[in-house]
Amino acid sequence: MALAAGWHVLPGAFTSSPAVRHQASHLWWFLVAMQPAAGVLFALDGVLLGAGDVAFMRTLTLAAALGVFVPLTVAAYLDGWGIAGVWGGLSGFVLARLVGVLARVAGTRWALPGT
């Protein structure tokens, strides 16, 4: 909530450029919308990494990067979506990883040694 409320103030703490602040105002909402999903994702990343489920995390991250982030970023370039398209790709990457991690922790395989 505080992040959403600071959309006009916080970018000014990092830059004095009006062009950069203007662009940040358009991209800010990607950041705000992504935070709840990213918070859950990164917490569960820690659980799975702590459990030694690194092979799954590697494969999931590669699949999300190659299957979601790269295609959306290339589409953003080809279709002229600009940096908003790149942030859309990043949001898709986070959501794809979140779905994978939630599916993994819904079972018990991650909790078994050597899996």
C-alpha atoms as a PDB file:
ATOM      1  CA  MET A   1       0.000   0.000   0.000  1.00  0.00           C
ATOM      2  CA  ALA A   2       2.805   2.407   0.886  1.00  0.00           C
ATOM      3  CA  LEU A   3       4.606   1.520  -2.336  1.00  0.00           C
ATOM      4  CA  ALA A   4       1.495   2.365  -4.345  1.00  0.00           C
ATOM      5  CA  ALA A   5       1.065   5.634  -2.475  1.00  0.00           C
ATOM      6  CA  GLY A   6       4.668   6.641  -3.112  1.00  0.00           C
ATOM      7  CA  TRP A   7       4.464   6.472  -6.906  1.00  0.00           C
ATOM      8  CA  HIS A   8       4.952  10.214  -7.280  1.00  0.00           C
ATOM      9  CA  VAL A   9       7.515  10.804  -4.535  1.00  0.00           C
ATOM     10  CA  LEU A  10       9.899   7.836  -4.505  1.00  0.00           C
ATOM     11  CA  PRO A  11      11.281   8.105  -8.075  1.00  0.00           C
ATOM     12  CA  GLY A  12      12.319  11.682  -7.308  1.00  0.00           C
ATOM     13  CA  ALA A  13      14.574  10.369  -4.541  1.00  0.00           C
ATOM     14  CA  PHE A  14      16.664   8.580  -7.174  1.00  0.00           C
ATOM     15  CA  THR A  15      16.671  10.992 -10.096  1.00  0.00           C
ATOM     16  CA  SER A  16      16.152  14.650 -10.902  1.00  0.00           C
ATOM     17  CA  SER A  17      15.372  13.916 -14.554  1.00  0.00           C
ATOM     18  CA  PRO A  18      11.774  14.765 -15.463  1.00  0.00           C
ATOM     19  CA  ALA A  19      11.883  12.240 -18.317  1.00  0.00           C
ATOM     20  CA  VAL A  20      12.943   9.418 -16.009  1.00  0.00           C
ATOM     21  CA  ARG A  21      10.308  10.352 -13.398  1.00  0.00           C
ATOM     22  CA  HIS A  22       7.658  10.457 -16.125  1.00  0.00           C
ATOM     23  CA  GLN A  23       8.637   6.990 -17.356  1.00  0.00           C
ATOM     24  CA  ALA A  24       8.733   5.691 -13.783  1.00  0.00           C
ATOM     25  CA  SER A  25       5.161   6.866 -13.248  1.00  0.00           C
ATOM     26  CA  HIS A  26       4.037   4.569 -16.081  1.00  0.00           C
ATOM     27  CA  LEU A  27       6.086   1.590 -14.947  1.00  0.00           C
ATOM     28  CA  TRP A  28       5.425   1.975 -11.221  1.00  0.00           C
ATOM     29  CA  TRP A  29       2.190   0.012 -11.432  1.00  0.00           C
ATOM     30  CA  PHE A  30       3.996  -3.066 -12.720  1.00  0.00           C
ATOM     31  CA  LEU A  31       6.182  -2.925  -9.615  1.00  0.00           C
ATOM     32  CA  VAL A  32       3.217  -2.426  -7.288  1.00  0.00           C
ATOM     33  CA  ALA A  33       1.162  -5.221  -8.871  1.00  0.00           C
ATOM     34  CA  MET A  34       4.095  -7.633  -8.855  1.00  0.00           C
ATOM     35  CA  GLN A  35       5.016  -7.190  -5.176  1.00  0.00           C
ATOM     36  CA  PRO A  36       2.488  -9.562  -3.549  1.00  0.00           C
ATOM     37  CA  ALA A  37       3.309 -12.368  -5.998  1.00  0.00           C
ATOM     38  CA  ALA A  38       7.050 -11.722  -5.711  1.00  0.00           C
ATOM     39  CA  GLY A  39       6.871 -11.729  -1.907  1.00  0.00           C
ATOM     40  CA  VAL A  40       5.225 -15.150  -1.830  1.00  0.00           C
ATOM     41  CA  LEU A  41       7.535 -16.435  -4.569  1.00  0.00           C
ATOM     42  CA  PHE A  42      10.746 -15.339  -2.877  1.00  0.00           C
ATOM     43  CA  ALA A  43       9.642 -16.703   0.494  1.00  0.00           C
ATOM     44  CA  LEU A  44       8.881 -20.083  -1.067  1.00  0.00           C
ATOM     45  CA  ASP A  45      12.159 -19.921  -3.016  1.00  0.00           C
ATOM     46  CA  GLY A  46      13.881 -19.792   0.356  1.00  0.00           C
ATOM     47  CA  VAL A  47      11.929 -22.780   1.625  1.00  0.00           C
ATOM     48  CA  LEU A  48      12.733 -24.868  -1.438  1.00  0.00           C
ATOM     49  CA  LEU A  49      16.373 -23.820  -1.545  1.00  0.00           C
ATOM     50  CA  GLY A  50      16.701 -24.555   2.166  1.00  0.00           C
ATOM     51  CA  ALA A  51      15.212 -27.988   1.540  1.00  0.00           C
ATOM     52  CA  GLY A  52      17.868 -28.591  -1.111  1.00  0.00           C
ATOM     53  CA  ASP A  53      15.411 -28.612  -4.025  1.00  0.00           C
ATOM     54  CA  VAL A  54      17.860 -26.685  -6.204  1.00  0.00           C
ATOM     55  CA  ALA A  55      17.501 -28.866  -9.301  1.00  0.00           C
ATOM     56  CA  PHE A  56      13.788 -28.094  -9.445  1.00  0.00           C
ATOM     57  CA  MET A  57      14.426 -24.386  -8.863  1.00  0.00           C
ATOM     58  CA  ARG A  58      17.015 -24.338 -11.661  1.00  0.00           C
ATOM     59  CA  THR A  59      14.692 -26.045 -14.109  1.00  0.00           C
ATOM     60  CA  LEU A  60      11.719 -23.869 -13.164  1.00  0.00           C
ATOM     61  CA  THR A  61      13.736 -20.673 -13.502  1.00  0.00           C
ATOM     62  CA  LEU A  62      15.089 -21.684 -16.917  1.00  0.00           C
ATOM     63  CA  ALA A  63      11.625 -22.715 -18.112  1.00  0.00           C
ATOM     64  CA  ALA A  64      10.070 -19.438 -16.953  1.00  0.00           C
ATOM     65  CA  ALA A  65      12.884 -17.396 -18.482  1.00  0.00           C
ATOM     66  CA  LEU A  66      12.898 -19.183 -21.840  1.00  0.00           C
ATOM     67  CA  GLY A  67       9.159 -19.847 -22.012  1.00  0.00           C
ATOM     68  CA  VAL A  68       7.773 -16.534 -20.719  1.00  0.00           C
ATOM     69  CA  PHE A  69      10.299 -13.742 -20.183  1.00  0.00           C
ATOM     70  CA  VAL A  70      12.273 -14.087 -23.418  1.00  0.00           C
ATOM     71  CA  PRO A  71       9.232 -14.454 -25.716  1.00  0.00           C
ATOM     72  CA  LEU A  72       7.441 -11.494 -24.119  1.00  0.00           C
ATOM     73  CA  THR A  73      10.571  -9.353 -24.251  1.00  0.00           C
ATOM     74  CA  VAL A  74      11.176 -10.222 -27.901  1.00  0.00           C
ATOM     75  CA  ALA A  75       7.525  -9.458 -28.660  1.00  0.00           C
ATOM     76  CA  ALA A  76       7.921  -6.143 -26.844  1.00  0.00           C
ATOM     77  CA  TYR A  77      10.868  -5.304 -29.073  1.00  0.00           C
ATOM     78  CA  LEU A  78       9.238  -6.440 -32.317  1.00  0.00           C
ATOM     79  CA  ASP A  79       5.876  -4.805 -31.617  1.00  0.00           C
ATOM     80  CA  GLY A  80       7.276  -1.586 -30.145  1.00  0.00           C
ATOM     81  CA  TRP A  81       5.846  -2.026 -26.655  1.00  0.00           C
ATOM     82  CA  GLY A  82       8.873  -0.306 -25.184  1.00  0.00           C
ATOM     83  CA  ILE A  83      10.026  -0.772 -21.650  1.00  0.00           C
ATOM     84  CA  ALA A  84       6.477  -1.533 -20.502  1.00  0.00           C
ATOM     85  CA  GLY A  85       6.730  -4.710 -22.569  1.00  0.00           C
ATOM     86  CA  VAL A  86       9.947  -5.668 -20.816  1.00  0.00           C
ATOM     87  CA  TRP A  87       8.264  -5.119 -17.443  1.00  0.00           C
ATOM     88  CA  GLY A  88       5.342  -7.196 -18.701  1.00  0.00           C
ATOM     89  CA  GLY A  89       7.834  -9.956 -19.483  1.00  0.00           C
ATOM     90  CA  LEU A  90       9.352  -9.656 -16.026  1.00  0.00           C
ATOM     91  CA  SER A  91       5.890  -9.819 -14.457  1.00  0.00           C
ATOM     92  CA  GLY A  92       5.103 -12.918 -16.510  1.00  0.00           C
ATOM     93  CA  PHE A  93       8.391 -14.483 -15.397  1.00  0.00           C
ATOM     94  CA  VAL A  94       7.551 -13.901 -11.736  1.00  0.00           C
ATOM     95  CA  LEU A  95       4.020 -15.265 -12.177  1.00  0.00           C
ATOM     96  CA  ALA A  96       5.216 -18.349 -14.059  1.00  0.00           C
ATOM     97  CA  ARG A  97       7.744 -19.115 -11.323  1.00  0.00           C
ATOM     98  CA  LEU A  98       5.090 -18.509  -8.652  1.00  0.00           C
ATOM     99  CA  VAL A  99       2.736 -21.023 -10.281  1.00  0.00           C
ATOM    100  CA  GLY A 100       5.540 -23.575 -10.467  1.00  0.00           C
ATOM    101  CA  VAL A 101       6.647 -23.055  -6.879  1.00  0.00           C
ATOM    102  CA  LEU A 102       3.072 -23.215  -5.559  1.00  0.00           C
ATOM    103  CA  ALA A 103       2.542 -26.479  -7.445  1.00  0.00           C
ATOM    104  CA  ARG A 104       5.783 -27.847  -5.993  1.00  0.00           C
ATOM    105  CA  VAL A 105       5.022 -27.001  -2.370  1.00  0.00           C
ATOM    106  CA  ALA A 106       1.462 -28.337  -2.703  1.00  0.00           C
ATOM    107  CA  GLY A 107       2.997 -31.808  -2.816  1.00  0.00           C
ATOM    108  CA  THR A 108       5.578 -33.439  -0.583  1.00  0.00           C
ATOM    109  CA  ARG A 109       8.254 -34.431  -3.086  1.00  0.00           C
ATOM    110  CA  TRP A 110      10.302 -31.310  -2.342  1.00  0.00           C
ATOM    111  CA  ALA A 111      10.570 -32.384   1.298  1.00  0.00           C
ATOM    112  CA  LEU A 112      12.174 -35.724   0.483  1.00  0.00           C
ATOM    113  CA  PRO A 113      15.968 -35.880   0.499  1.00  0.00           C
ATOM    114  CA  GLY A 114      17.554 -36.245  -2.935  1.00  0.00           C
ATOM    115  CA  THR A 115      14.513 -35.260  -5.028  1.00  0.00           C
END
